[in-house]
Amino acid sequence: SRRDVEQLLDTGQLVDALATAMSDLSAGHASAP
């Protein structure tokens, strides 16, 4: 649920995870049409 998601997301961890994912995309490995 939304409440579950809100409890489980940590902003600091999310910023770091986004850095990994965006690097993955720019390197041509990820797919996001």
PDB file of all heavy atoms in Angstrom:
ATOM      1  N   SER A   1       0.831  -1.202   0.000  1.00  0.00           N
ATOM      2  CA  SER A   1       0.000   0.000   0.000  1.00  0.00           C
ATOM      3  C   SER A   1       0.865   1.252   0.000  1.00  0.00           C
ATOM      4  O   SER A   1       2.097   1.188   0.165  1.00  0.00           O
ATOM      5  CB  SER A   1      -0.887   0.013   1.240  1.00  0.00           C
ATOM      6  OG  SER A   1      -0.078   0.211   2.403  1.00  0.00           O
ATOM      7  N   ARG A   2       0.209   2.387  -0.124  1.00  0.00           N
ATOM      8  CA  ARG A   2       0.947   3.648  -0.062  1.00  0.00           C
ATOM      9  C   ARG A   2       1.625   3.808   1.297  1.00  0.00           C
ATOM     10  O   ARG A   2       2.771   4.254   1.381  1.00  0.00           O
ATOM     11  CB  ARG A   2       0.024   4.838  -0.336  1.00  0.00           C
ATOM     12  CG  ARG A   2       0.760   6.168  -0.229  1.00  0.00           C
ATOM     13  CD  ARG A   2       0.021   7.334  -0.812  1.00  0.00           C
ATOM     14  NE  ARG A   2       0.893   8.505  -0.851  1.00  0.00           N
ATOM     15  CZ  ARG A   2       0.567   9.671  -1.376  1.00  0.00           C
ATOM     16  NH1 ARG A   2      -0.620   9.823  -1.950  1.00  0.00           N
ATOM     17  NH2 ARG A   2       1.408  10.683  -1.375  1.00  0.00           N
ATOM     18  N   ARG A   3       0.916   3.446   2.356  1.00  0.00           N
ATOM     19  CA  ARG A   3       1.515   3.553   3.683  1.00  0.00           C
ATOM     20  C   ARG A   3       2.749   2.662   3.794  1.00  0.00           C
ATOM     21  O   ARG A   3       3.766   3.060   4.371  1.00  0.00           O
ATOM     22  CB  ARG A   3       0.490   3.174   4.748  1.00  0.00           C
ATOM     23  CG  ARG A   3       1.014   3.340   6.179  1.00  0.00           C
ATOM     24  CD  ARG A   3      -0.050   3.045   7.195  1.00  0.00           C
ATOM     25  NE  ARG A   3       0.457   3.203   8.552  1.00  0.00           N
ATOM     26  CZ  ARG A   3      -0.249   2.968   9.641  1.00  0.00           C
ATOM     27  NH1 ARG A   3      -1.507   2.576   9.542  1.00  0.00           N
ATOM     28  NH2 ARG A   3       0.276   3.127  10.839  1.00  0.00           N
ATOM     29  N   ASP A   4       2.679   1.460   3.225  1.00  0.00           N
ATOM     30  CA  ASP A   4       3.842   0.568   3.229  1.00  0.00           C
ATOM     31  C   ASP A   4       5.020   1.235   2.527  1.00  0.00           C
ATOM     32  O   ASP A   4       6.144   1.264   3.045  1.00  0.00           O
ATOM     33  CB  ASP A   4       3.523  -0.744   2.509  1.00  0.00           C
ATOM     34  CG  ASP A   4       2.514  -1.609   3.236  1.00  0.00           C
ATOM     35  OD1 ASP A   4       2.429  -1.514   4.482  1.00  0.00           O
ATOM     36  OD2 ASP A   4       1.795  -2.369   2.558  1.00  0.00           O
ATOM     37  N   VAL A   5       4.762   1.756   1.328  1.00  0.00           N
ATOM     38  CA  VAL A   5       5.828   2.364   0.530  1.00  0.00           C
ATOM     39  C   VAL A   5       6.456   3.535   1.262  1.00  0.00           C
ATOM     40  O   VAL A   5       7.689   3.682   1.300  1.00  0.00           O
ATOM     41  CB  VAL A   5       5.279   2.799  -0.846  1.00  0.00           C
ATOM     42  CG1 VAL A   5       6.306   3.626  -1.605  1.00  0.00           C
ATOM     43  CG2 VAL A   5       4.873   1.579  -1.674  1.00  0.00           C
ATOM     44  N   GLU A   6       5.631   4.377   1.855  1.00  0.00           N
ATOM     45  CA  GLU A   6       6.150   5.549   2.572  1.00  0.00           C
ATOM     46  C   GLU A   6       7.037   5.134   3.746  1.00  0.00           C
ATOM     47  O   GLU A   6       8.047   5.785   4.029  1.00  0.00           O
ATOM     48  CB  GLU A   6       4.995   6.418   3.055  1.00  0.00           C
ATOM     49  CG  GLU A   6       4.281   7.142   1.920  1.00  0.00           C
ATOM     50  CD  GLU A   6       3.018   7.863   2.368  1.00  0.00           C
ATOM     51  OE1 GLU A   6       2.464   7.499   3.436  1.00  0.00           O
ATOM     52  OE2 GLU A   6       2.571   8.760   1.649  1.00  0.00           O
ATOM     53  N   GLN A   7       6.670   4.050   4.429  1.00  0.00           N
ATOM     54  CA  GLN A   7       7.482   3.567   5.548  1.00  0.00           C
ATOM     55  C   GLN A   7       8.811   2.987   5.091  1.00  0.00           C
ATOM     56  O   GLN A   7       9.801   3.028   5.825  1.00  0.00           O
ATOM     57  CB  GLN A   7       6.718   2.487   6.323  1.00  0.00           C
ATOM     58  CG  GLN A   7       5.528   2.965   7.114  1.00  0.00           C
ATOM     59  CD  GLN A   7       4.893   1.811   7.880  1.00  0.00           C
ATOM     60  OE1 GLN A   7       5.463   1.282   8.833  1.00  0.00           O
ATOM     61  NE2 GLN A   7       3.714   1.395   7.445  1.00  0.00           N
ATOM     62  N   LEU A   8       8.836   2.452   3.877  1.00  0.00           N
ATOM     63  CA  LEU A   8       9.992   1.691   3.420  1.00  0.00           C
ATOM     64  C   LEU A   8      11.028   2.518   2.664  1.00  0.00           C
ATOM     65  O   LEU A   8      12.171   2.090   2.518  1.00  0.00           O
ATOM     66  CB  LEU A   8       9.521   0.533   2.525  1.00  0.00           C
ATOM     67  CG  LEU A   8       8.681  -0.535   3.233  1.00  0.00           C
ATOM     68  CD1 LEU A   8       8.000  -1.441   2.217  1.00  0.00           C
ATOM     69  CD2 LEU A   8       9.542  -1.350   4.188  1.00  0.00           C
ATOM     70  N   LEU A   9      10.638   3.691   2.177  1.00  0.00           N
ATOM     71  CA  LEU A   9      11.557   4.515   1.389  1.00  0.00           C
ATOM     72  C   LEU A   9      12.385   5.420   2.282  1.00  0.00           C
ATOM     73  O   LEU A   9      11.852   6.123   3.145  1.00  0.00           O
ATOM     74  CB  LEU A   9      10.780   5.359   0.378  1.00  0.00           C
ATOM     75  CG  LEU A   9      10.535   4.736  -0.994  1.00  0.00           C
ATOM     76  CD1 LEU A   9       9.704   5.689  -1.852  1.00  0.00           C
ATOM     77  CD2 LEU A   9      11.835   4.395  -1.716  1.00  0.00           C
ATOM     78  N   ASP A  10      13.687   5.444   2.062  1.00  0.00           N
ATOM     79  CA  ASP A  10      14.606   6.340   2.753  1.00  0.00           C
ATOM     80  C   ASP A  10      15.238   7.264   1.712  1.00  0.00           C
ATOM     81  O   ASP A  10      15.795   6.795   0.718  1.00  0.00           O
ATOM     82  CB  ASP A  10      15.692   5.534   3.467  1.00  0.00           C
ATOM     83  CG  ASP A  10      16.748   6.422   4.087  1.00  0.00           C
ATOM     84  OD1 ASP A  10      16.523   6.907   5.213  1.00  0.00           O
ATOM     85  OD2 ASP A  10      17.796   6.648   3.436  1.00  0.00           O
ATOM     86  N   THR A  11      15.155   8.577   1.935  1.00  0.00           N
ATOM     87  CA  THR A  11      15.595   9.536   0.923  1.00  0.00           C
ATOM     88  C   THR A  11      17.078   9.400   0.605  1.00  0.00           C
ATOM     89  O   THR A  11      17.477   9.409  -0.560  1.00  0.00           O
ATOM     90  CB  THR A  11      15.285  10.973   1.369  1.00  0.00           C
ATOM     91  OG1 THR A  11      13.873  11.116   1.559  1.00  0.00           O
ATOM     92  CG2 THR A  11      15.743  11.973   0.313  1.00  0.00           C
ATOM     93  N   GLY A  12      17.904   9.274   1.628  1.00  0.00           N
ATOM     94  CA  GLY A  12      19.331   9.150   1.394  1.00  0.00           C
ATOM     95  C   GLY A  12      19.675   7.938   0.558  1.00  0.00           C
ATOM     96  O   GLY A  12      20.480   8.008  -0.392  1.00  0.00           O
ATOM     97  N   GLN A  13      19.082   6.800   0.889  1.00  0.00           N
ATOM     98  CA  GLN A  13      19.311   5.584   0.114  1.00  0.00           C
ATOM     99  C   GLN A  13      18.784   5.734  -1.306  1.00  0.00           C
ATOM    100  O   GLN A  13      19.388   5.224  -2.267  1.00  0.00           O
ATOM    101  CB  GLN A  13      18.635   4.400   0.797  1.00  0.00           C
ATOM    102  CG  GLN A  13      19.257   4.001   2.125  1.00  0.00           C
ATOM    103  CD  GLN A  13      18.518   2.845   2.778  1.00  0.00           C
ATOM    104  OE1 GLN A  13      17.433   2.458   2.341  1.00  0.00           O
ATOM    105  NE2 GLN A  13      19.091   2.294   3.826  1.00  0.00           N
ATOM    106  N   LEU A  14      17.655   6.440  -1.453  1.00  0.00           N
ATOM    107  CA  LEU A  14      17.057   6.607  -2.772  1.00  0.00           C
ATOM    108  C   LEU A  14      17.945   7.468  -3.671  1.00  0.00           C
ATOM    109  O   LEU A  14      18.108   7.161  -4.858  1.00  0.00           O
ATOM    110  CB  LEU A  14      15.665   7.215  -2.634  1.00  0.00           C
ATOM    111  CG  LEU A  14      14.871   7.436  -3.929  1.00  0.00           C
ATOM    112  CD1 LEU A  14      14.780   6.153  -4.748  1.00  0.00           C
ATOM    113  CD2 LEU A  14      13.480   7.974  -3.610  1.00  0.00           C
ATOM    114  N   VAL A  15      18.528   8.529  -3.138  1.00  0.00           N
ATOM    115  CA  VAL A  15      19.435   9.365  -3.936  1.00  0.00           C
ATOM    116  C   VAL A  15      20.591   8.517  -4.456  1.00  0.00           C
ATOM    117  O   VAL A  15      20.969   8.596  -5.630  1.00  0.00           O
ATOM    118  CB  VAL A  15      19.945  10.559  -3.112  1.00  0.00           C
ATOM    119  CG1 VAL A  15      21.037  11.316  -3.868  1.00  0.00           C
ATOM    120  CG2 VAL A  15      18.796  11.519  -2.780  1.00  0.00           C
ATOM    121  N   ASP A  16      21.156   7.676  -3.602  1.00  0.00           N
ATOM    122  CA  ASP A  16      22.269   6.819  -4.021  1.00  0.00           C
ATOM    123  C   ASP A  16      21.825   5.789  -5.056  1.00  0.00           C
ATOM    124  O   ASP A  16      22.543   5.510  -6.030  1.00  0.00           O
ATOM    125  CB  ASP A  16      22.874   6.107  -2.814  1.00  0.00           C
ATOM    126  CG  ASP A  16      23.608   7.051  -1.879  1.00  0.00           C
ATOM    127  OD1 ASP A  16      24.008   8.148  -2.332  1.00  0.00           O
ATOM    128  OD2 ASP A  16      23.777   6.698  -0.692  1.00  0.00           O
ATOM    129  N   ALA A  17      20.640   5.209  -4.863  1.00  0.00           N
ATOM    130  CA  ALA A  17      20.123   4.230  -5.818  1.00  0.00           C
ATOM    131  C   ALA A  17      19.857   4.873  -7.175  1.00  0.00           C
ATOM    132  O   ALA A  17      20.089   4.257  -8.230  1.00  0.00           O
ATOM    133  CB  ALA A  17      18.846   3.585  -5.278  1.00  0.00           C
ATOM    134  N   LEU A  18      19.378   6.104  -7.159  1.00  0.00           N
ATOM    135  CA  LEU A  18      19.135   6.827  -8.406  1.00  0.00           C
ATOM    136  C   LEU A  18      20.433   7.105  -9.143  1.00  0.00           C
ATOM    137  O   LEU A  18      20.494   7.029 -10.379  1.00  0.00           O
ATOM    138  CB  LEU A  18      18.390   8.132  -8.124  1.00  0.00           C
ATOM    139  CG  LEU A  18      16.907   7.969  -7.805  1.00  0.00           C
ATOM    140  CD1 LEU A  18      16.345   9.245  -7.195  1.00  0.00           C
ATOM    141  CD2 LEU A  18      16.125   7.600  -9.071  1.00  0.00           C
ATOM    142  N   ALA A  19      21.482   7.425  -8.408  1.00  0.00           N
ATOM    143  CA  ALA A  19      22.784   7.636  -9.047  1.00  0.00           C
ATOM    144  C   ALA A  19      23.206   6.383  -9.803  1.00  0.00           C
ATOM    145  O   ALA A  19      23.672   6.447 -10.956  1.00  0.00           O
ATOM    146  CB  ALA A  19      23.827   8.023  -8.002  1.00  0.00           C
ATOM    147  N   THR A  20      23.022   5.216  -9.189  1.00  0.00           N
ATOM    148  CA  THR A  20      23.367   3.950  -9.842  1.00  0.00           C
ATOM    149  C   THR A  20      22.510   3.720 -11.081  1.00  0.00           C
ATOM    150  O   THR A  20      23.016   3.361 -12.154  1.00  0.00           O
ATOM    151  CB  THR A  20      23.181   2.780  -8.858  1.00  0.00           C
ATOM    152  OG1 THR A  20      24.063   2.945  -7.756  1.00  0.00           O
ATOM    153  CG2 THR A  20      23.452   1.443  -9.536  1.00  0.00           C
ATOM    154  N   ALA A  21      21.206   3.932 -10.956  1.00  0.00           N
ATOM    155  CA  ALA A  21      20.291   3.668 -12.063  1.00  0.00           C
ATOM    156  C   ALA A  21      20.511   4.631 -13.219  1.00  0.00           C
ATOM    157  O   ALA A  21      20.463   4.228 -14.394  1.00  0.00           O
ATOM    158  CB  ALA A  21      18.848   3.761 -11.564  1.00  0.00           C
ATOM    159  N   MET A  22      20.763   5.904 -12.920  1.00  0.00           N
ATOM    160  CA  MET A  22      20.954   6.879 -13.989  1.00  0.00           C
ATOM    161  C   MET A  22      22.271   6.640 -14.714  1.00  0.00           C
ATOM    162  O   MET A  22      22.364   6.820 -15.932  1.00  0.00           O
ATOM    163  CB  MET A  22      20.889   8.295 -13.430  1.00  0.00           C
ATOM    164  CG  MET A  22      19.589   8.633 -12.702  1.00  0.00           C
ATOM    165  SD  MET A  22      18.093   8.163 -13.589  1.00  0.00           S
ATOM    166  CE  MET A  22      18.108   9.355 -14.905  1.00  0.00           C
ATOM    167  N   SER A  23      23.299   6.216 -13.994  1.00  0.00           N
ATOM    168  CA  SER A  23      24.556   5.839 -14.633  1.00  0.00           C
ATOM    169  C   SER A  23      24.345   4.628 -15.538  1.00  0.00           C
ATOM    170  O   SER A  23      24.883   4.556 -16.655  1.00  0.00           O
ATOM    171  CB  SER A  23      25.614   5.538 -13.569  1.00  0.00           C
ATOM    172  OG  SER A  23      26.818   5.102 -14.151  1.00  0.00           O
ATOM    173  N   ASP A  24      23.561   3.673 -15.071  1.00  0.00           N
ATOM    174  CA  ASP A  24      23.226   2.476 -15.841  1.00  0.00           C
ATOM    175  C   ASP A  24      22.531   2.856 -17.152  1.00  0.00           C
ATOM    176  O   ASP A  24      22.813   2.305 -18.217  1.00  0.00           O
ATOM    177  CB  ASP A  24      22.318   1.582 -14.991  1.00  0.00           C
ATOM    178  CG  ASP A  24      22.326   0.121 -15.415  1.00  0.00           C
ATOM    179  OD1 ASP A  24      23.346  -0.345 -15.938  1.00  0.00           O
ATOM    180  OD2 ASP A  24      21.309  -0.559 -15.183  1.00  0.00           O
ATOM    181  N   LEU A  25      21.625   3.832 -17.072  1.00  0.00           N
ATOM    182  CA  LEU A  25      20.899   4.288 -18.262  1.00  0.00           C
ATOM    183  C   LEU A  25      21.837   4.974 -19.248  1.00  0.00           C
ATOM    184  O   LEU A  25      21.817   4.680 -20.450  1.00  0.00           O
ATOM    185  CB  LEU A  25      19.774   5.237 -17.845  1.00  0.00           C
ATOM    186  CG  LEU A  25      18.928   5.805 -18.981  1.00  0.00           C
ATOM    187  CD1 LEU A  25      18.124   4.708 -19.669  1.00  0.00           C
ATOM    188  CD2 LEU A  25      17.992   6.897 -18.459  1.00  0.00           C
ATOM    189  N   SER A  26      22.662   5.887 -18.755  1.00  0.00           N
ATOM    190  CA  SER A  26      23.560   6.621 -19.645  1.00  0.00           C
ATOM    191  C   SER A  26      24.623   5.721 -20.267  1.00  0.00           C
ATOM    192  O   SER A  26      25.123   6.006 -21.357  1.00  0.00           O
ATOM    193  CB  SER A  26      24.228   7.773 -18.890  1.00  0.00           C
ATOM    194  OG  SER A  26      23.276   8.774 -18.566  1.00  0.00           O
ATOM    195  N   ALA A  27      24.957   4.636 -19.595  1.00  0.00           N
ATOM    196  CA  ALA A  27      25.919   3.679 -20.140  1.00  0.00           C
ATOM    197  C   ALA A  27      25.302   2.779 -21.201  1.00  0.00           C
ATOM    198  O   ALA A  27      26.004   1.993 -21.844  1.00  0.00           O
ATOM    199  CB  ALA A  27      26.504   2.836 -19.012  1.00  0.00           C
ATOM    200  N   GLY A  28      23.976   2.871 -21.385  1.00  0.00           N
ATOM    201  CA  GLY A  28      23.298   2.081 -22.400  1.00  0.00           C
ATOM    202  C   GLY A  28      22.851   0.715 -21.949  1.00  0.00           C
ATOM    203  O   GLY A  28      22.422  -0.107 -22.769  1.00  0.00           O
ATOM    204  N   HIS A  29      22.907   0.448 -20.649  1.00  0.00           N
ATOM    205  CA  HIS A  29      22.534  -0.875 -20.140  1.00  0.00           C
ATOM    206  C   HIS A  29      21.052  -0.957 -19.762  1.00  0.00           C
ATOM    207  O   HIS A  29      20.424  -2.002 -19.947  1.00  0.00           O
ATOM    208  CB  HIS A  29      23.384  -1.233 -18.924  1.00  0.00           C
ATOM    209  CG  HIS A  29      24.857  -1.187 -19.185  1.00  0.00           C
ATOM    210  ND1 HIS A  29      25.424  -1.765 -20.295  1.00  0.00           N
ATOM    211  CD2 HIS A  29      25.874  -0.609 -18.488  1.00  0.00           C
ATOM    212  CE1 HIS A  29      26.727  -1.570 -20.280  1.00  0.00           C
ATOM    213  NE2 HIS A  29      27.031  -0.870 -19.199  1.00  0.00           N
ATOM    214  N   ALA A  30      20.512   0.115 -19.208  1.00  0.00           N
ATOM    215  CA  ALA A  30      19.111   0.125 -18.772  1.00  0.00           C
ATOM    216  C   ALA A  30      18.185   0.454 -19.943  1.00  0.00           C
ATOM    217  O   ALA A  30      18.616   1.002 -20.964  1.00  0.00           O
ATOM    218  CB  ALA A  30      18.918   1.143 -17.647  1.00  0.00           C
ATOM    219  N   SER A  31      16.920   0.117 -19.769  1.00  0.00           N
ATOM    220  CA  SER A  31      15.915   0.373 -20.800  1.00  0.00           C
ATOM    221  C   SER A  31      14.758   1.153 -20.190  1.00  0.00           C
ATOM    222  O   SER A  31      14.173   0.735 -19.187  1.00  0.00           O
ATOM    223  CB  SER A  31      15.398  -0.952 -21.374  1.00  0.00           C
ATOM    224  OG  SER A  31      14.367  -0.726 -22.311  1.00  0.00           O
ATOM    225  N   ALA A  32      14.444   2.307 -20.793  1.00  0.00           N
ATOM    226  CA  ALA A  32      13.327   3.135 -20.323  1.00  0.00           C
ATOM    227  C   ALA A  32      12.746   3.884 -21.512  1.00  0.00           C
ATOM    228  O   ALA A  32      13.092   5.033 -21.768  1.00  0.00           O
ATOM    229  CB  ALA A  32      13.797   4.122 -19.255  1.00  0.00           C
ATOM    230  N   PRO A  33      11.874   3.220 -22.297  1.00  0.00           N
ATOM    231  CA  PRO A  33      11.314   3.869 -23.485  1.00  0.00           C
ATOM    232  C   PRO A  33      10.488   5.091 -23.106  1.00  0.00           C
ATOM    233  O   PRO A  33       9.998   5.198 -21.977  1.00  0.00           O
ATOM    234  CB  PRO A  33      10.439   2.778 -24.102  1.00  0.00           C
ATOM    235  CG  PRO A  33      10.177   1.805 -23.007  1.00  0.00           C
ATOM    236  CD  PRO A  33      11.360   1.856 -22.096  1.00  0.00           C
TER     237      PRO A  33
END
